[in-house]
Amino acid sequence: LSASQLESLTVIAYYQPATKAYVETIRGVDSSYSVNALLNKHLIEE
């Protein structure tokens, strides 16, 4: 996991269920790539 993926995963783990917009609000940056990467690695799901 990259630092951005780990940050996004942390937000989702602690605040689930969470939207991508919520992850971006907490991180302060676009998180589309990180969320998609976490989906591909099967660490998160819809």
All heavy atoms as atom14 arrays in JSON, in Angstrom:
{
  "sequence": "LSASQLESLTVIAYYQPATKAYVETIRGVDSSYSVNALLNKHLIEE",
  "atom14_mask": [
    [1, 1, 1, 1, 1, 1, 1, 1, 0, 0, 0, 0, 0, 0],
    [1, 1, 1, 1, 1, 1, 0, 0, 0, 0, 0, 0, 0, 0],
    [1, 1, 1, 1, 1, 0, 0, 0, 0, 0, 0, 0, 0, 0],
    [1, 1, 1, 1, 1, 1, 0, 0, 0, 0, 0, 0, 0, 0],
    [1, 1, 1, 1, 1, 1, 1, 1, 1, 0, 0, 0, 0, 0],
    [1, 1, 1, 1, 1, 1, 1, 1, 0, 0, 0, 0, 0, 0],
    [1, 1, 1, 1, 1, 1, 1, 1, 1, 0, 0, 0, 0, 0],
    [1, 1, 1, 1, 1, 1, 0, 0, 0, 0, 0, 0, 0, 0],
    [1, 1, 1, 1, 1, 1, 1, 1, 0, 0, 0, 0, 0, 0],
    [1, 1, 1, 1, 1, 1, 1, 0, 0, 0, 0, 0, 0, 0],
    [1, 1, 1, 1, 1, 1, 1, 0, 0, 0, 0, 0, 0, 0],
    [1, 1, 1, 1, 1, 1, 1, 1, 0, 0, 0, 0, 0, 0],
    [1, 1, 1, 1, 1, 0, 0, 0, 0, 0, 0, 0, 0, 0],
    [1, 1, 1, 1, 1, 1, 1, 1, 1, 1, 1, 1, 0, 0],
    [1, 1, 1, 1, 1, 1, 1, 1, 1, 1, 1, 1, 0, 0],
    [1, 1, 1, 1, 1, 1, 1, 1, 1, 0, 0, 0, 0, 0],
    [1, 1, 1, 1, 1, 1, 1, 0, 0, 0, 0, 0, 0, 0],
    [1, 1, 1, 1, 1, 0, 0, 0, 0, 0, 0, 0, 0, 0],
    [1, 1, 1, 1, 1, 1, 1, 0, 0, 0, 0, 0, 0, 0],
    [1, 1, 1, 1, 1, 1, 1, 1, 1, 0, 0, 0, 0, 0],
    [1, 1, 1, 1, 1, 0, 0, 0, 0, 0, 0, 0, 0, 0],
    [1, 1, 1, 1, 1, 1, 1, 1, 1, 1, 1, 1, 0, 0],
    [1, 1, 1, 1, 1, 1, 1, 0, 0, 0, 0, 0, 0, 0],
    [1, 1, 1, 1, 1, 1, 1, 1, 1, 0, 0, 0, 0, 0],
    [1, 1, 1, 1, 1, 1, 1, 0, 0, 0, 0, 0, 0, 0],
    [1, 1, 1, 1, 1, 1, 1, 1, 0, 0, 0, 0, 0, 0],
    [1, 1, 1, 1, 1, 1, 1, 1, 1, 1, 1, 0, 0, 0],
    [1, 1, 1, 1, 0, 0, 0, 0, 0, 0, 0, 0, 0, 0],
    [1, 1, 1, 1, 1, 1, 1, 0, 0, 0, 0, 0, 0, 0],
    [1, 1, 1, 1, 1, 1, 1, 1, 0, 0, 0, 0, 0, 0],
    [1, 1, 1, 1, 1, 1, 0, 0, 0, 0, 0, 0, 0, 0],
    [1, 1, 1, 1, 1, 1, 0, 0, 0, 0, 0, 0, 0, 0],
    [1, 1, 1, 1, 1, 1, 1, 1, 1, 1, 1, 1, 0, 0],
    [1, 1, 1, 1, 1, 1, 0, 0, 0, 0, 0, 0, 0, 0],
    [1, 1, 1, 1, 1, 1, 1, 0, 0, 0, 0, 0, 0, 0],
    [1, 1, 1, 1, 1, 1, 1, 1, 0, 0, 0, 0, 0, 0],
    [1, 1, 1, 1, 1, 0, 0, 0, 0, 0, 0, 0, 0, 0],
    [1, 1, 1, 1, 1, 1, 1, 1, 0, 0, 0, 0, 0, 0],
    [1, 1, 1, 1, 1, 1, 1, 1, 0, 0, 0, 0, 0, 0],
    [1, 1, 1, 1, 1, 1, 1, 1, 0, 0, 0, 0, 0, 0],
    [1, 1, 1, 1, 1, 1, 1, 1, 1, 0, 0, 0, 0, 0],
    [1, 1, 1, 1, 1, 1, 1, 1, 1, 1, 0, 0, 0, 0],
    [1, 1, 1, 1, 1, 1, 1, 1, 0, 0, 0, 0, 0, 0],
    [1, 1, 1, 1, 1, 1, 1, 1, 0, 0, 0, 0, 0, 0],
    [1, 1, 1, 1, 1, 1, 1, 1, 1, 0, 0, 0, 0, 0],
    [1, 1, 1, 1, 1, 1, 1, 1, 1, 0, 0, 0, 0, 0]
  ],
  "atom14_positions": [
    [[0.83, -1.2, 0.0], [0.0, 0.0, 0.0], [0.87, 1.25, 0.0], [1.81, 1.35, 0.78], [-0.91, 0.02, 1.22], [-1.87, -1.16, 1.37], [-2.61, -1.08, 2.69], [-2.86, -1.18, 0.22], [0.0, 0.0, 0.0], [0.0, 0.0, 0.0], [0.0, 0.0, 0.0], [0.0, 0.0, 0.0], [0.0, 0.0, 0.0], [0.0, 0.0, 0.0]],
    [[0.51, 2.19, -0.85], [1.18, 3.49, -0.83], [0.66, 4.27, 0.37], [-0.34, 3.9, 0.99], [0.89, 4.25, -2.13], [-0.48, 4.6, -2.17], [0.0, 0.0, 0.0], [0.0, 0.0, 0.0], [0.0, 0.0, 0.0], [0.0, 0.0, 0.0], [0.0, 0.0, 0.0], [0.0, 0.0, 0.0], [0.0, 0.0, 0.0], [0.0, 0.0, 0.0]],
    [[1.31, 5.39, 0.67], [0.87, 6.22, 1.79], [-0.56, 6.72, 1.57], [-1.38, 6.72, 2.5], [1.82, 7.4, 1.98], [0.0, 0.0, 0.0], [0.0, 0.0, 0.0], [0.0, 0.0, 0.0], [0.0, 0.0, 0.0], [0.0, 0.0, 0.0], [0.0, 0.0, 0.0], [0.0, 0.0, 0.0], [0.0, 0.0, 0.0], [0.0, 0.0, 0.0]],
    [[-0.9, 7.12, 0.34], [-2.26, 7.61, 0.06], [-3.29, 6.5, 0.2], [-4.39, 6.73, 0.7], [-2.33, 8.26, -1.31], [-2.08, 7.32, -2.32], [0.0, 0.0, 0.0], [0.0, 0.0, 0.0], [0.0, 0.0, 0.0], [0.0, 0.0, 0.0], [0.0, 0.0, 0.0], [0.0, 0.0, 0.0], [0.0, 0.0, 0.0], [0.0, 0.0, 0.0]],
    [[-2.93, 5.29, -0.24], [-3.85, 4.16, -0.1], [-4.06, 3.81, 1.37], [-5.17, 3.52, 1.8], [-3.33, 2.95, -0.86], [-3.35, 3.12, -2.36], [-2.59, 2.03, -3.09], [-2.07, 1.09, -2.5], [-2.52, 2.16, -4.41], [0.0, 0.0, 0.0], [0.0, 0.0, 0.0], [0.0, 0.0, 0.0], [0.0, 0.0, 0.0], [0.0, 0.0, 0.0]],
    [[-2.98, 3.83, 2.14], [-3.09, 3.53, 3.56], [-3.94, 4.57, 4.29], [-4.76, 4.23, 5.15], [-1.69, 3.45, 4.19], [-1.59, 2.85, 5.57], [-2.21, 1.47, 5.64], [-0.14, 2.78, 6.02], [0.0, 0.0, 0.0], [0.0, 0.0, 0.0], [0.0, 0.0, 0.0], [0.0, 0.0, 0.0], [0.0, 0.0, 0.0], [0.0, 0.0, 0.0]],
    [[-3.78, 5.86, 3.92], [-4.61, 6.9, 4.52], [-6.08, 6.69, 4.18], [-6.94, 6.78, 5.06], [-4.17, 8.29, 4.02], [-2.87, 8.77, 4.58], [-2.41, 10.08, 3.94], [-3.14, 10.64, 3.09], [-1.31, 10.54, 4.29], [0.0, 0.0, 0.0], [0.0, 0.0, 0.0], [0.0, 0.0, 0.0], [0.0, 0.0, 0.0], [0.0, 0.0, 0.0]],
    [[-6.37, 6.4, 2.93], [-7.75, 6.18, 2.5], [-8.35, 4.96, 3.19], [-9.49, 4.99, 3.66], [-7.82, 6.0, 0.98], [-7.37, 7.16, 0.33], [0.0, 0.0, 0.0], [0.0, 0.0, 0.0], [0.0, 0.0, 0.0], [0.0, 0.0, 0.0], [0.0, 0.0, 0.0], [0.0, 0.0, 0.0], [0.0, 0.0, 0.0], [0.0, 0.0, 0.0]],
    [[-7.56, 3.89, 3.29], [-8.02, 2.68, 3.96], [-8.3, 2.95, 5.44], [-9.28, 2.44, 6.0], [-6.99, 1.56, 3.79], [-7.35, 0.21, 4.39], [-8.65, -0.33, 3.79], [-6.21, -0.78, 4.16], [0.0, 0.0, 0.0], [0.0, 0.0, 0.0], [0.0, 0.0, 0.0], [0.0, 0.0, 0.0], [0.0, 0.0, 0.0], [0.0, 0.0, 0.0]],
    [[-7.46, 3.76, 6.06], [-7.66, 4.09, 7.47], [-8.97, 4.83, 7.67], [-9.74, 4.51, 8.59], [-6.48, 4.95, 7.97], [-5.27, 4.21, 7.82], [-6.67, 5.33, 9.43], [0.0, 0.0, 0.0], [0.0, 0.0, 0.0], [0.0, 0.0, 0.0], [0.0, 0.0, 0.0], [0.0, 0.0, 0.0], [0.0, 0.0, 0.0], [0.0, 0.0, 0.0]],
    [[-9.25, 5.79, 6.81], [-10.51, 6.54, 6.92], [-11.7, 5.6, 6.77], [-12.64, 5.63, 7.58], [-10.57, 7.68, 5.87], [-11.95, 8.33, 5.86], [-9.49, 8.71, 6.15], [0.0, 0.0, 0.0], [0.0, 0.0, 0.0], [0.0, 0.0, 0.0], [0.0, 0.0, 0.0], [0.0, 0.0, 0.0], [0.0, 0.0, 0.0], [0.0, 0.0, 0.0]],
    [[-11.66, 4.73, 5.77], [-12.77, 3.81, 5.55], [-12.9, 2.83, 6.71], [-14.01, 2.55, 7.17], [-12.61, 3.07, 4.2], [-12.76, 4.08, 3.05], [-13.62, 1.94, 4.06], [-12.35, 3.56, 1.69], [0.0, 0.0, 0.0], [0.0, 0.0, 0.0], [0.0, 0.0, 0.0], [0.0, 0.0, 0.0], [0.0, 0.0, 0.0], [0.0, 0.0, 0.0]],
    [[-11.79, 2.32, 7.22], [-11.84, 1.36, 8.32], [-12.46, 1.96, 9.58], [-13.26, 1.31, 10.25], [-10.44, 0.83, 8.63], [0.0, 0.0, 0.0], [0.0, 0.0, 0.0], [0.0, 0.0, 0.0], [0.0, 0.0, 0.0], [0.0, 0.0, 0.0], [0.0, 0.0, 0.0], [0.0, 0.0, 0.0], [0.0, 0.0, 0.0], [0.0, 0.0, 0.0]],
    [[-12.11, 3.19, 9.9], [-12.61, 3.8, 11.14], [-13.99, 4.43, 10.99], [-14.7, 4.57, 11.98], [-11.62, 4.85, 11.65], [-10.45, 4.24, 12.39], [-9.25, 3.98, 11.75], [-10.57, 3.91, 13.74], [-8.18, 3.42, 12.43], [-9.51, 3.35, 14.43], [-8.32, 3.11, 13.77], [-7.27, 2.55, 14.46], [0.0, 0.0, 0.0], [0.0, 0.0, 0.0]],
    [[-14.36, 4.86, 9.8], [-15.63, 5.58, 9.62], [-16.62, 4.84, 8.74], [-17.58, 5.44, 8.27], [-15.36, 6.97, 9.03], [-14.57, 7.85, 9.94], [-13.2, 8.05, 9.73], [-15.17, 8.47, 11.04], [-12.46, 8.86, 10.57], [-14.43, 9.28, 11.89], [-13.08, 9.47, 11.64], [-12.35, 10.26, 12.49], [0.0, 0.0, 0.0], [0.0, 0.0, 0.0]],
    [[-16.42, 3.56, 8.5], [-17.28, 2.84, 7.58], [-18.72, 2.74, 8.06], [-18.93, 2.71, 9.27], [-16.71, 1.47, 7.27], [-16.55, 0.53, 8.44], [-15.84, -0.72, 8.01], [-16.29, -1.42, 7.12], [-14.72, -1.02, 8.64], [0.0, 0.0, 0.0], [0.0, 0.0, 0.0], [0.0, 0.0, 0.0], [0.0, 0.0, 0.0], [0.0, 0.0, 0.0]],
    [[-19.65, 2.71, 7.14], [-19.45, 2.87, 5.7], [-19.16, 4.33, 5.36], [-19.74, 5.23, 5.96], [-20.79, 2.42, 5.11], [-21.78, 2.69, 6.18], [-21.06, 2.51, 7.48], [0.0, 0.0, 0.0], [0.0, 0.0, 0.0], [0.0, 0.0, 0.0], [0.0, 0.0, 0.0], [0.0, 0.0, 0.0], [0.0, 0.0, 0.0], [0.0, 0.0, 0.0]],
    [[-18.27, 4.54, 4.42], [-17.84, 5.89, 4.06], [-17.87, 6.06, 2.54], [-17.63, 5.11, 1.8], [-16.42, 6.15, 4.57], [0.0, 0.0, 0.0], [0.0, 0.0, 0.0], [0.0, 0.0, 0.0], [0.0, 0.0, 0.0], [0.0, 0.0, 0.0], [0.0, 0.0, 0.0], [0.0, 0.0, 0.0], [0.0, 0.0, 0.0], [0.0, 0.0, 0.0]],
    [[-18.15, 7.26, 2.12], [-18.13, 7.58, 0.69], [-16.74, 8.07, 0.3], [-15.94, 8.46, 1.16], [-19.16, 8.69, 0.35], [-18.78, 9.87, 1.04], [-20.57, 8.28, 0.72], [0.0, 0.0, 0.0], [0.0, 0.0, 0.0], [0.0, 0.0, 0.0], [0.0, 0.0, 0.0], [0.0, 0.0, 0.0], [0.0, 0.0, 0.0], [0.0, 0.0, 0.0]],
    [[-16.48, 8.06, -1.0], [-15.2, 8.59, -1.5], [-15.08, 10.07, -1.15], [-14.01, 10.55, -0.77], [-15.09, 8.37, -3.01], [-13.76, 8.8, -3.6], [-13.64, 8.43, -5.05], [-14.58, 9.13, -5.96], [-14.33, 10.54, -6.19], [0.0, 0.0, 0.0], [0.0, 0.0, 0.0], [0.0, 0.0, 0.0], [0.0, 0.0, 0.0], [0.0, 0.0, 0.0]],
    [[-16.19, 10.8, -1.22], [-16.18, 12.22, -0.89], [-15.8, 12.43, 0.58], [-15.08, 13.38, 0.91], [-17.54, 12.85, -1.18], [0.0, 0.0, 0.0], [0.0, 0.0, 0.0], [0.0, 0.0, 0.0], [0.0, 0.0, 0.0], [0.0, 0.0, 0.0], [0.0, 0.0, 0.0], [0.0, 0.0, 0.0], [0.0, 0.0, 0.0], [0.0, 0.0, 0.0]],
    [[-16.25, 11.55, 1.44], [-15.9, 11.66, 2.86], [-14.4, 11.43, 3.07], [-13.74, 12.15, 3.8], [-16.73, 10.67, 3.68], [-16.53, 10.81, 5.16], [-17.04, 11.91, 5.84], [-15.83, 9.85, 5.89], [-16.86, 12.06, 7.2], [-15.65, 9.99, 7.25], [-16.16, 11.09, 7.91], [-15.98, 11.23, 9.25], [0.0, 0.0, 0.0], [0.0, 0.0, 0.0]],
    [[-13.87, 10.43, 2.36], [-12.42, 10.15, 2.42], [-11.65, 11.38, 1.95], [-10.67, 11.8, 2.57], [-12.06, 8.9, 1.58], [-10.55, 8.72, 1.49], [-12.73, 7.65, 2.14], [0.0, 0.0, 0.0], [0.0, 0.0, 0.0], [0.0, 0.0, 0.0], [0.0, 0.0, 0.0], [0.0, 0.0, 0.0], [0.0, 0.0, 0.0], [0.0, 0.0, 0.0]],
    [[-12.11, 11.97, 0.86], [-11.45, 13.16, 0.32], [-11.55, 14.35, 1.26], [-10.61, 15.14, 1.37], [-12.04, 13.5, -1.05], [-11.7, 12.47, -2.1], [-12.43, 12.65, -3.42], [-13.4, 13.44, -3.48], [-12.03, 11.98, -4.39], [0.0, 0.0, 0.0], [0.0, 0.0, 0.0], [0.0, 0.0, 0.0], [0.0, 0.0, 0.0], [0.0, 0.0, 0.0]],
    [[-12.67, 14.48, 1.96], [-12.84, 15.58, 2.91], [-11.82, 15.45, 4.04], [-11.19, 16.43, 4.43], [-14.27, 15.57, 3.49], [-15.2, 15.74, 2.42], [-14.45, 16.68, 4.51], [0.0, 0.0, 0.0], [0.0, 0.0, 0.0], [0.0, 0.0, 0.0], [0.0, 0.0, 0.0], [0.0, 0.0, 0.0], [0.0, 0.0, 0.0], [0.0, 0.0, 0.0]],
    [[-11.64, 14.27, 4.55], [-10.69, 14.06, 5.65], [-9.25, 14.19, 5.16], [-8.43, 14.84, 5.8], [-10.92, 12.7, 6.33], [-12.25, 12.75, 7.08], [-9.77, 12.35, 7.27], [-12.6, 11.53, 7.85], [0.0, 0.0, 0.0], [0.0, 0.0, 0.0], [0.0, 0.0, 0.0], [0.0, 0.0, 0.0], [0.0, 0.0, 0.0], [0.0, 0.0, 0.0]],
    [[-8.95, 13.6, 4.01], [-7.57, 13.65, 3.5], [-7.23, 15.0, 2.88], [-6.07, 15.37, 2.83], [-7.35, 12.55, 2.45], [-7.39, 11.16, 3.03], [-6.92, 10.11, 2.05], [-5.55, 10.39, 1.65], [-5.15, 10.42, 0.38], [-5.98, 10.2, -0.61], [-3.88, 10.68, 0.08], [0.0, 0.0, 0.0], [0.0, 0.0, 0.0], [0.0, 0.0, 0.0]],
    [[-8.22, 15.69, 2.33], [-7.98, 16.99, 1.72], [-7.47, 16.91, 0.29], [-7.03, 17.93, -0.25], [0.0, 0.0, 0.0], [0.0, 0.0, 0.0], [0.0, 0.0, 0.0], [0.0, 0.0, 0.0], [0.0, 0.0, 0.0], [0.0, 0.0, 0.0], [0.0, 0.0, 0.0], [0.0, 0.0, 0.0], [0.0, 0.0, 0.0], [0.0, 0.0, 0.0]],
    [[-7.49, 15.72, -0.3], [-7.03, 15.54, -1.69], [-7.93, 14.54, -2.4], [-8.65, 13.78, -1.75], [-5.57, 15.05, -1.77], [-4.61, 16.08, -1.22], [-5.4, 13.73, -1.06], [0.0, 0.0, 0.0], [0.0, 0.0, 0.0], [0.0, 0.0, 0.0], [0.0, 0.0, 0.0], [0.0, 0.0, 0.0], [0.0, 0.0, 0.0], [0.0, 0.0, 0.0]],
    [[-7.86, 14.52, -3.74], [-8.61, 13.56, -4.53], [-8.16, 12.15, -4.16], [-6.96, 11.86, -4.09], [-8.4, 13.81, -6.03], [-9.15, 12.82, -6.89], [-10.37, 12.68, -6.7], [-8.5, 12.17, -7.74], [0.0, 0.0, 0.0], [0.0, 0.0, 0.0], [0.0, 0.0, 0.0], [0.0, 0.0, 0.0], [0.0, 0.0, 0.0], [0.0, 0.0, 0.0]],
    [[-9.11, 11.26, -3.91], [-8.79, 9.9, -3.48], [-9.31, 8.83, -4.44], [-9.38, 7.66, -4.08], [-9.36, 9.66, -2.08], [-8.78, 10.55, -1.16], [0.0, 0.0, 0.0], [0.0, 0.0, 0.0], [0.0, 0.0, 0.0], [0.0, 0.0, 0.0], [0.0, 0.0, 0.0], [0.0, 0.0, 0.0], [0.0, 0.0, 0.0], [0.0, 0.0, 0.0]],
    [[-9.65, 9.22, -5.65], [-10.2, 8.27, -6.62], [-9.25, 7.11, -6.89], [-9.65, 5.95, -6.87], [-10.52, 8.97, -7.94], [-11.49, 9.95, -7.75], [0.0, 0.0, 0.0], [0.0, 0.0, 0.0], [0.0, 0.0, 0.0], [0.0, 0.0, 0.0], [0.0, 0.0, 0.0], [0.0, 0.0, 0.0], [0.0, 0.0, 0.0], [0.0, 0.0, 0.0]],
    [[-7.99, 7.42, -7.15], [-7.01, 6.37, -7.45], [-6.86, 5.43, -6.26], [-6.85, 4.21, -6.43], [-5.66, 6.98, -7.83], [-4.61, 5.9, -8.02], [-4.56, 5.16, -9.2], [-3.7, 5.6, -7.01], [-3.62, 4.16, -9.38], [-2.76, 4.59, -7.18], [-2.73, 3.87, -8.36], [-1.81, 2.87, -8.53], [0.0, 0.0, 0.0], [0.0, 0.0, 0.0]],
    [[-6.75, 5.98, -5.07], [-6.56, 5.15, -3.87], [-7.74, 4.23, -3.62], [-7.57, 3.05, -3.32], [-6.35, 6.04, -2.64], [-5.16, 6.78, -2.76], [0.0, 0.0, 0.0], [0.0, 0.0, 0.0], [0.0, 0.0, 0.0], [0.0, 0.0, 0.0], [0.0, 0.0, 0.0], [0.0, 0.0, 0.0], [0.0, 0.0, 0.0], [0.0, 0.0, 0.0]],
    [[-8.95, 4.77, -3.74], [-10.15, 3.95, -3.52], [-10.22, 2.84, -4.56], [-10.49, 1.68, -4.21], [-11.42, 4.84, -3.51], [-12.68, 3.98, -3.55], [-11.43, 5.74, -2.29], [0.0, 0.0, 0.0], [0.0, 0.0, 0.0], [0.0, 0.0, 0.0], [0.0, 0.0, 0.0], [0.0, 0.0, 0.0], [0.0, 0.0, 0.0], [0.0, 0.0, 0.0]],
    [[-9.95, 3.14, -5.81], [-9.97, 2.11, -6.86], [-8.9, 1.05, -6.62], [-9.14, -0.14, -6.82], [-9.81, 2.74, -8.24], [-11.08, 3.43, -8.69], [-12.17, 3.06, -8.29], [-10.93, 4.45, -9.52], [0.0, 0.0, 0.0], [0.0, 0.0, 0.0], [0.0, 0.0, 0.0], [0.0, 0.0, 0.0], [0.0, 0.0, 0.0], [0.0, 0.0, 0.0]],
    [[-7.72, 1.47, -6.17], [-6.65, 0.51, -5.88], [-7.04, -0.4, -4.73], [-6.78, -1.61, -4.77], [-5.35, 1.26, -5.56], [0.0, 0.0, 0.0], [0.0, 0.0, 0.0], [0.0, 0.0, 0.0], [0.0, 0.0, 0.0], [0.0, 0.0, 0.0], [0.0, 0.0, 0.0], [0.0, 0.0, 0.0], [0.0, 0.0, 0.0], [0.0, 0.0, 0.0]],
    [[-7.67, 0.16, -3.71], [-8.11, -0.66, -2.56], [-9.2, -1.64, -2.97], [-9.24, -2.77, -2.46], [-8.6, 0.25, -1.43], [-7.53, 1.13, -0.78], [-8.15, 2.15, 0.16], [-6.49, 0.28, -0.05], [0.0, 0.0, 0.0], [0.0, 0.0, 0.0], [0.0, 0.0, 0.0], [0.0, 0.0, 0.0], [0.0, 0.0, 0.0], [0.0, 0.0, 0.0]],
    [[-10.08, -1.23, -3.88], [-11.09, -2.15, -4.41], [-10.43, -3.29, -5.17], [-10.8, -4.46, -5.0], [-12.06, -1.4, -5.35], [-13.12, -0.54, -4.7], [-13.77, 0.39, -5.72], [-14.17, -1.4, -4.02], [0.0, 0.0, 0.0], [0.0, 0.0, 0.0], [0.0, 0.0, 0.0], [0.0, 0.0, 0.0], [0.0, 0.0, 0.0], [0.0, 0.0, 0.0]],
    [[-9.44, -2.97, -6.02], [-8.73, -3.99, -6.79], [-7.96, -4.96, -5.92], [-7.77, -6.12, -6.28], [-7.8, -3.34, -7.81], [-8.55, -2.67, -8.93], [-9.68, -3.03, -9.24], [-7.94, -1.67, -9.54], [0.0, 0.0, 0.0], [0.0, 0.0, 0.0], [0.0, 0.0, 0.0], [0.0, 0.0, 0.0], [0.0, 0.0, 0.0], [0.0, 0.0, 0.0]],
    [[-7.5, -4.48, -4.76], [-6.75, -5.34, -3.82], [-7.68, -6.07, -2.86], [-7.22, -6.78, -1.97], [-5.73, -4.49, -3.06], [-4.64, -3.96, -3.96], [-3.69, -3.04, -3.24], [-2.66, -2.5, -4.24], [-1.69, -1.63, -3.65], [0.0, 0.0, 0.0], [0.0, 0.0, 0.0], [0.0, 0.0, 0.0], [0.0, 0.0, 0.0], [0.0, 0.0, 0.0]],
    [[-8.98, -5.88, -3.03], [-10.02, -6.54, -2.23], [-9.93, -6.22, -0.74], [-10.29, -7.04, 0.09], [-10.01, -8.05, -2.47], [-10.13, -8.43, -3.91], [-11.3, -8.28, -4.62], [-9.21, -8.89, -4.78], [-11.09, -8.65, -5.87], [-9.84, -9.03, -6.0], [0.0, 0.0, 0.0], [0.0, 0.0, 0.0], [0.0, 0.0, 0.0], [0.0, 0.0, 0.0]],
    [[-9.43, -5.03, -0.42], [-9.37, -4.61, 0.98], [-10.63, -3.84, 1.37], [-10.96, -3.75, 2.55], [-8.12, -3.76, 1.24], [-6.81, -4.51, 1.06], [-5.63, -3.54, 1.19], [-6.69, -5.64, 2.07], [0.0, 0.0, 0.0], [0.0, 0.0, 0.0], [0.0, 0.0, 0.0], [0.0, 0.0, 0.0], [0.0, 0.0, 0.0], [0.0, 0.0, 0.0]],
    [[-11.33, -3.27, 0.38], [-12.61, -2.63, 0.61], [-13.59, -3.13, -0.44], [-13.18, -3.71, -1.46], [-12.53, -1.07, 0.57], [-12.11, -0.59, -0.82], [-11.64, -0.54, 1.68], [-12.23, 0.93, -1.01], [0.0, 0.0, 0.0], [0.0, 0.0, 0.0], [0.0, 0.0, 0.0], [0.0, 0.0, 0.0], [0.0, 0.0, 0.0], [0.0, 0.0, 0.0]],
    [[-14.88, -2.9, -0.18], [-15.92, -3.29, -1.13], [-17.06, -2.29, -1.05], [-17.22, -1.58, -0.06], [-16.44, -4.69, -0.81], [-17.13, -4.79, 0.53], [-17.5, -6.21, 0.93], [-17.19, -7.15, 0.19], [-18.09, -6.36, 2.03], [0.0, 0.0, 0.0], [0.0, 0.0, 0.0], [0.0, 0.0, 0.0], [0.0, 0.0, 0.0], [0.0, 0.0, 0.0]],
    [[-17.86, -2.26, -2.11], [-19.06, -1.43, -2.11], [-20.08, -2.09, -1.21], [-20.21, -3.32, -1.19], [-19.63, -1.3, -3.52], [-18.73, -0.54, -4.47], [-19.33, -0.4, -5.86], [-20.53, -0.7, -6.05], [-18.58, 0.0, -6.77], [0.0, 0.0, 0.0], [0.0, 0.0, 0.0], [0.0, 0.0, 0.0], [0.0, 0.0, 0.0], [0.0, 0.0, 0.0]]
  ]
}
